[in-house]
Amino acid sequence: MWDIIFLSAHSSYYEGRVNLGFILPRLLSSPKCLAVFTRDALTAADLNRQGLKKAKFVGNPVMDNLHSTAKDLPLIPEVPTIALLPGSRLPEASDNLILLLQLVKEIVDLGSQPLQFIAALVPSLMPELDNIALRYGWENHSGKLCLSALQDNYPHKLGVEVLCYSDAFADILQHANLVIGMTGTAVEQSVGLGKPVISVSGNGPSFTYRFAEAQHRLLGESVQVFAKQPANHEVLKEAALGVYRTLQDEAYLARCAKNGLERMGRSGASIKIADFVVNNL
């Protein structure tokens, strides 16, 4: 039996040098292991320096199939789009969405420039929208969460709308100027597309400060992490300021585009890995 490995859980970006432990290097060095594909170029170079010459980087498969499907999203041209990614596991994703809606309020309250918001949700979260809206002062109109400007507890001159979709993930990321993410792979994909990402810590169990901090090490300056504890009102205000500051920093946005390619690579890794399998097994 021959082995071809995709080493998804290890990266030199975490600690500067990959430590594969005692057993794994022996398995990967076996003549029966034909190739070790890594999640980033830095890790491949690191493993080669450590003597594992079969390590190579051809891109990260999670970057494949992120092309726009021409989904008709009712977005206003020229208005910056903020994508909200609350995660995929319920009930945590529901709690994260509630936190992100609070952050949306803080962003709009600053009123520095017009913005539009769109959330990429898993299908199982869509039925929760009525309950979330009812509990937190929003209205759900067939997937459009609205906060009326006429509410006594929200005396902003403009209403707020958050468009929610469960079938437009790639299109949402392609349209986004900035991503607010509380998830794992979807944030990696956002960074790979060159998007700046802002993260706030939730109550977990998955997306906590510890997870977000490790994600920042993995993905670099494209990810800005706010707060070492579950986000409170002051943290959300700070993150809201960070949104406007980020959108106005053209030099930083250019670095995010470059950093995304360095950390995640271009699309097409799945085909390259499949070709290697066909040609070598």
Protein backbone atom coordinates (compact mmCIF):
# COMPACT_ATOMS: atom_id res chain seq x y z
CA MET A 1 0.00 0.00 0.00
CA TRP A 2 1.27 3.45 -0.97
CA ASP A 3 0.51 6.67 0.89
CA ILE A 4 0.02 10.25 -0.26
CA ILE A 5 -0.54 12.67 2.62
CA PHE A 6 -2.14 16.10 2.86
CA LEU A 7 -0.77 17.56 6.10
CA SER A 8 -3.65 19.86 6.97
CA ALA A 9 -3.21 20.18 10.75
CA HIS A 10 0.41 21.40 10.80
CA SER A 11 1.90 24.72 9.75
CA SER A 12 5.20 26.47 10.37
CA TYR A 13 3.25 29.68 10.85
CA TYR A 14 2.06 28.45 14.24
CA GLU A 15 5.42 28.16 15.99
CA GLY A 16 8.05 28.96 13.35
CA ARG A 17 9.09 25.33 12.91
CA VAL A 18 6.89 22.27 12.44
CA ASN A 19 7.19 19.67 15.20
CA LEU A 20 5.66 16.43 13.94
CA GLY A 21 6.44 14.50 17.10
CA PHE A 22 8.16 11.12 17.22
CA ILE A 23 6.05 8.72 15.16
CA LEU A 24 4.74 10.86 12.28
CA PRO A 25 8.18 11.74 10.80
CA ARG A 26 8.95 8.03 10.54
CA LEU A 27 5.71 7.36 8.71
CA LEU A 28 6.21 10.27 6.34
CA SER A 29 9.83 9.27 5.65
CA SER A 30 8.81 5.72 4.72
CA PRO A 31 9.44 4.72 1.07
CA LYS A 32 5.74 3.85 0.91
CA CYS A 33 4.88 7.53 1.42
CA LEU A 34 5.15 9.04 -2.05
CA ALA A 35 4.41 12.67 -1.23
CA VAL A 36 3.52 15.01 1.62
CA PHE A 37 1.39 17.94 0.50
CA THR A 38 1.38 20.85 2.94
CA ARG A 39 -1.20 23.56 3.61
CA ASP A 40 1.25 26.41 2.85
CA ALA A 41 4.59 27.05 1.16
CA LEU A 42 6.40 27.96 4.40
CA THR A 43 5.65 24.52 5.87
CA ALA A 44 6.92 22.72 2.76
CA ALA A 45 10.17 24.67 2.88
CA ASP A 46 10.52 23.99 6.62
CA LEU A 47 10.00 20.23 6.20
CA ASN A 48 12.48 20.16 3.32
CA ARG A 49 15.08 21.80 5.58
CA GLN A 50 14.32 19.15 8.18
CA GLY A 51 15.13 16.47 5.61
CA LEU A 52 11.64 15.57 4.37
CA LYS A 53 12.35 16.29 0.70
CA LYS A 54 9.05 14.85 -0.49
CA ALA A 55 7.12 17.71 1.15
CA LYS A 56 5.62 20.07 -1.41
CA PHE A 57 3.05 22.85 -1.68
CA VAL A 58 0.75 23.06 -4.70
CA GLY A 59 -1.93 25.22 -3.08
CA ASN A 60 -4.62 24.59 -0.50
CA PRO A 61 -7.70 22.61 -1.67
CA VAL A 62 -10.04 24.81 0.42
CA MET A 63 -9.38 27.59 -2.09
CA ASP A 64 -10.96 25.60 -4.91
CA ASN A 65 -14.59 26.11 -5.93
CA LEU A 66 -14.78 29.67 -4.61
CA HIS A 67 -15.64 31.19 -7.96
CA SER A 68 -18.73 33.34 -8.25
CA THR A 69 -21.90 31.54 -9.36
CA ALA A 70 -23.50 34.79 -10.52
CA LYS A 71 -25.99 34.61 -7.65
CA ASP A 72 -28.27 37.64 -7.87
CA LEU A 73 -27.47 39.40 -4.61
CA PRO A 74 -29.31 42.70 -4.07
CA LEU A 75 -26.18 44.67 -3.25
CA ILE A 76 -25.66 48.34 -4.06
CA PRO A 77 -22.69 48.96 -6.36
CA GLU A 78 -19.91 51.14 -4.95
CA VAL A 79 -21.13 50.67 -1.35
CA PRO A 80 -18.62 48.61 0.70
CA THR A 81 -19.95 45.17 1.58
CA ILE A 82 -19.33 43.55 4.97
CA ALA A 83 -19.69 39.77 5.08
CA LEU A 84 -20.72 38.13 8.35
CA LEU A 85 -19.57 34.55 9.03
CA PRO A 86 -20.98 33.20 12.31
CA GLY A 87 -19.84 29.61 11.81
CA SER A 88 -21.57 26.35 11.03
CA ARG A 89 -22.19 24.48 14.29
CA LEU A 90 -25.41 25.13 16.15
CA PRO A 91 -26.16 26.38 18.76
CA GLU A 92 -22.82 28.25 18.72
CA ALA A 93 -23.44 29.69 15.25
CA SER A 94 -26.73 31.13 16.48
CA ASP A 95 -25.02 32.76 19.48
CA ASN A 96 -22.30 34.11 17.19
CA LEU A 97 -24.85 35.61 14.81
CA ILE A 98 -26.51 37.42 17.72
CA LEU A 99 -23.11 38.87 18.68
CA LEU A 100 -22.42 39.91 15.08
CA LEU A 101 -25.80 41.67 14.88
CA GLN A 102 -24.83 43.66 17.97
CA LEU A 103 -21.58 44.57 16.24
CA VAL A 104 -23.51 45.68 13.15
CA LYS A 105 -25.44 48.12 15.34
CA GLU A 106 -22.17 49.56 16.67
CA ILE A 107 -20.77 49.90 13.15
CA VAL A 108 -23.81 51.73 11.83
CA ASP A 109 -23.97 53.96 14.92
CA LEU A 110 -20.54 55.33 14.04
CA GLY A 111 -21.98 56.42 10.70
CA SER A 112 -18.62 57.17 9.09
CA GLN A 113 -19.68 55.91 5.64
CA PRO A 114 -22.51 53.91 4.02
CA LEU A 115 -22.05 50.15 4.37
CA GLN A 116 -24.10 47.08 3.52
CA PHE A 117 -24.13 43.77 5.39
CA ILE A 118 -24.65 40.22 4.17
CA ALA A 119 -24.39 37.00 6.18
CA ALA A 120 -23.37 33.57 4.92
CA LEU A 121 -25.29 31.07 7.06
CA VAL A 122 -25.61 27.31 7.11
CA PRO A 123 -29.09 26.07 6.12
CA SER A 124 -29.82 24.88 9.66
CA LEU A 125 -29.45 28.44 10.97
CA MET A 126 -32.02 30.00 8.65
CA PRO A 127 -35.06 28.67 10.63
CA GLU A 128 -33.60 30.36 13.73
CA LEU A 129 -33.86 33.86 12.25
CA ASP A 130 -37.45 34.48 13.36
CA ASN A 131 -36.61 33.68 16.97
CA ILE A 132 -33.37 35.69 16.90
CA ALA A 133 -35.17 38.69 15.41
CA LEU A 134 -37.99 38.50 17.96
CA ARG A 135 -35.66 38.24 20.95
CA TYR A 136 -33.23 41.00 19.95
CA GLY A 137 -35.44 43.68 18.43
CA TRP A 138 -35.01 42.89 14.74
CA GLU A 139 -37.55 41.91 12.10
CA ASN A 140 -37.06 38.98 9.74
CA HIS A 141 -38.46 39.48 6.25
CA SER A 142 -37.72 36.25 4.40
CA GLY A 143 -34.04 36.25 5.23
CA LYS A 144 -33.59 40.01 5.49
CA LEU A 145 -33.01 41.08 9.08
CA CYS A 146 -34.14 44.67 9.58
CA LEU A 147 -33.73 47.06 12.48
CA SER A 148 -36.11 49.96 12.08
CA ALA A 149 -34.82 53.49 12.45
CA LEU A 150 -38.05 54.30 14.33
CA GLN A 151 -37.35 52.08 17.31
CA ASP A 152 -37.10 54.07 20.52
CA ASN A 153 -34.06 52.09 21.61
CA TYR A 154 -32.32 52.64 18.29
CA PRO A 155 -32.64 56.32 17.34
CA HIS A 156 -30.40 56.18 14.26
CA LYS A 157 -31.42 58.18 11.22
CA LEU A 158 -31.06 55.10 9.03
CA GLY A 159 -32.45 51.61 9.44
CA VAL A 160 -30.17 48.60 9.31
CA GLU A 161 -30.47 45.59 7.04
CA VAL A 162 -28.56 42.31 7.10
CA LEU A 163 -29.16 40.03 4.12
CA CYS A 164 -28.96 36.34 5.05
CA TYR A 165 -28.23 33.52 2.59
CA SER A 166 -27.49 29.83 2.99
CA ASP A 167 -26.69 29.17 -0.68
CA ALA A 168 -24.35 31.98 -1.73
CA PHE A 169 -21.13 31.50 0.23
CA ALA A 170 -18.67 31.93 -2.65
CA ASP A 171 -20.58 34.88 -4.11
CA ILE A 172 -20.71 36.60 -0.73
CA LEU A 173 -16.95 36.25 -0.23
CA GLN A 174 -16.23 37.49 -3.75
CA HIS A 175 -18.36 40.61 -3.20
CA ALA A 176 -17.07 41.35 0.31
CA ASN A 177 -14.72 44.25 0.97
CA LEU A 178 -14.26 43.08 4.55
CA VAL A 179 -15.20 39.94 6.49
CA ILE A 180 -16.23 39.68 10.13
CA GLY A 181 -15.68 36.04 10.93
CA MET A 182 -16.16 33.72 13.88
CA THR A 183 -15.27 30.46 12.16
CA GLY A 184 -12.35 28.38 10.96
CA THR A 185 -12.11 27.32 7.32
CA ALA A 186 -14.33 30.12 6.02
CA VAL A 187 -11.96 32.71 7.51
CA GLU A 188 -9.00 30.92 5.88
CA GLN A 189 -10.82 31.09 2.55
CA SER A 190 -11.57 34.78 3.07
CA VAL A 191 -7.90 35.51 3.71
CA GLY A 192 -6.94 33.45 0.67
CA LEU A 193 -9.16 35.68 -1.46
CA GLY A 194 -7.30 38.72 -0.14
CA LYS A 195 -10.03 39.93 2.22
CA PRO A 196 -9.27 41.65 5.53
CA VAL A 197 -10.88 39.82 8.44
CA ILE A 198 -11.99 41.11 11.82
CA SER A 199 -12.67 38.59 14.60
CA VAL A 200 -14.31 38.99 17.97
CA SER A 201 -14.26 36.26 20.59
CA GLY A 202 -17.45 34.40 21.41
CA ASN A 203 -18.43 32.07 24.23
CA GLY A 204 -17.36 29.01 22.27
CA PRO A 205 -16.96 26.14 22.57
CA SER A 206 -15.23 26.31 19.16
CA PHE A 207 -14.50 29.94 18.35
CA THR A 208 -12.79 31.35 21.44
CA TYR A 209 -9.92 33.80 21.86
CA ARG A 210 -7.49 30.88 21.99
CA PHE A 211 -8.75 29.66 18.61
CA ALA A 212 -8.77 33.17 17.13
CA GLU A 213 -5.23 33.87 18.34
CA ALA A 214 -3.96 30.64 16.76
CA GLN A 215 -5.81 31.57 13.58
CA HIS A 216 -4.06 34.94 13.58
CA ARG A 217 -0.66 33.22 13.76
CA LEU A 218 -1.67 30.93 10.92
CA LEU A 219 -3.06 33.64 8.64
CA GLY A 220 -0.99 36.67 9.59
CA GLU A 221 -1.91 40.33 9.51
CA SER A 222 -5.01 39.77 7.36
CA VAL A 223 -6.81 38.77 10.58
CA GLN A 224 -7.36 41.33 13.35
CA VAL A 225 -8.49 39.81 16.65
CA PHE A 226 -10.32 41.96 19.19
CA ALA A 227 -10.44 41.05 22.91
CA LYS A 228 -9.06 38.16 24.89
CA GLN A 229 -12.45 37.39 26.40
CA PRO A 230 -15.98 37.05 25.01
CA ALA A 231 -16.83 40.36 23.40
CA ASN A 232 -18.66 42.96 25.49
CA HIS A 233 -20.02 46.38 24.53
CA GLU A 234 -16.63 48.10 24.71
CA VAL A 235 -14.98 45.41 22.60
CA LEU A 236 -17.70 45.69 19.97
CA LYS A 237 -17.22 49.47 19.81
CA GLU A 238 -13.48 48.94 19.32
CA ALA A 239 -14.12 46.38 16.60
CA ALA A 240 -16.55 48.75 14.89
CA LEU A 241 -13.87 51.42 14.78
CA GLY A 242 -11.54 48.78 13.37
CA VAL A 243 -13.94 48.15 10.49
CA TYR A 244 -13.85 51.78 9.33
CA ARG A 245 -10.12 52.08 9.95
CA THR A 246 -9.46 48.97 7.87
CA LEU A 247 -11.63 50.03 4.93
CA GLN A 248 -9.79 53.34 4.71
CA ASP A 249 -6.27 51.86 4.86
CA GLU A 250 -5.39 51.20 1.23
CA ALA A 251 -1.83 50.12 2.03
CA TYR A 252 -3.11 47.53 4.49
CA LEU A 253 -5.71 46.25 2.02
CA ALA A 254 -2.97 45.76 -0.58
CA ARG A 255 -0.91 43.79 1.94
CA CYS A 256 -3.94 41.58 2.65
CA ALA A 257 -4.16 40.65 -1.03
CA LYS A 258 -0.47 39.68 -1.08
CA ASN A 259 -0.64 37.91 2.26
CA GLY A 260 -3.59 35.81 1.12
CA LEU A 261 -1.59 34.33 -1.74
CA GLU A 262 1.38 33.64 0.50
CA ARG A 263 -0.64 31.93 3.23
CA MET A 264 -3.20 30.01 1.15
CA GLY A 265 -1.95 29.85 -2.44
CA ARG A 266 -3.98 29.99 -5.63
CA SER A 267 -6.90 27.76 -6.52
CA GLY A 268 -6.32 24.50 -8.36
CA ALA A 269 -4.65 22.39 -5.65
CA SER A 270 -7.28 19.64 -5.83
CA ILE A 271 -6.57 18.99 -9.52
CA LYS A 272 -2.80 19.02 -8.96
CA ILE A 273 -3.03 16.56 -6.08
CA ALA A 274 -5.43 14.35 -8.04
CA ASP A 275 -3.05 14.37 -11.04
CA PHE A 276 -0.20 13.29 -8.76
CA VAL A 277 -2.30 10.43 -7.40
CA VAL A 278 -3.27 9.24 -10.91
CA ASN A 279 0.28 9.45 -12.21
CA ASN A 280 1.98 7.76 -9.26
CA LEU A 281 -0.37 5.02 -8.05
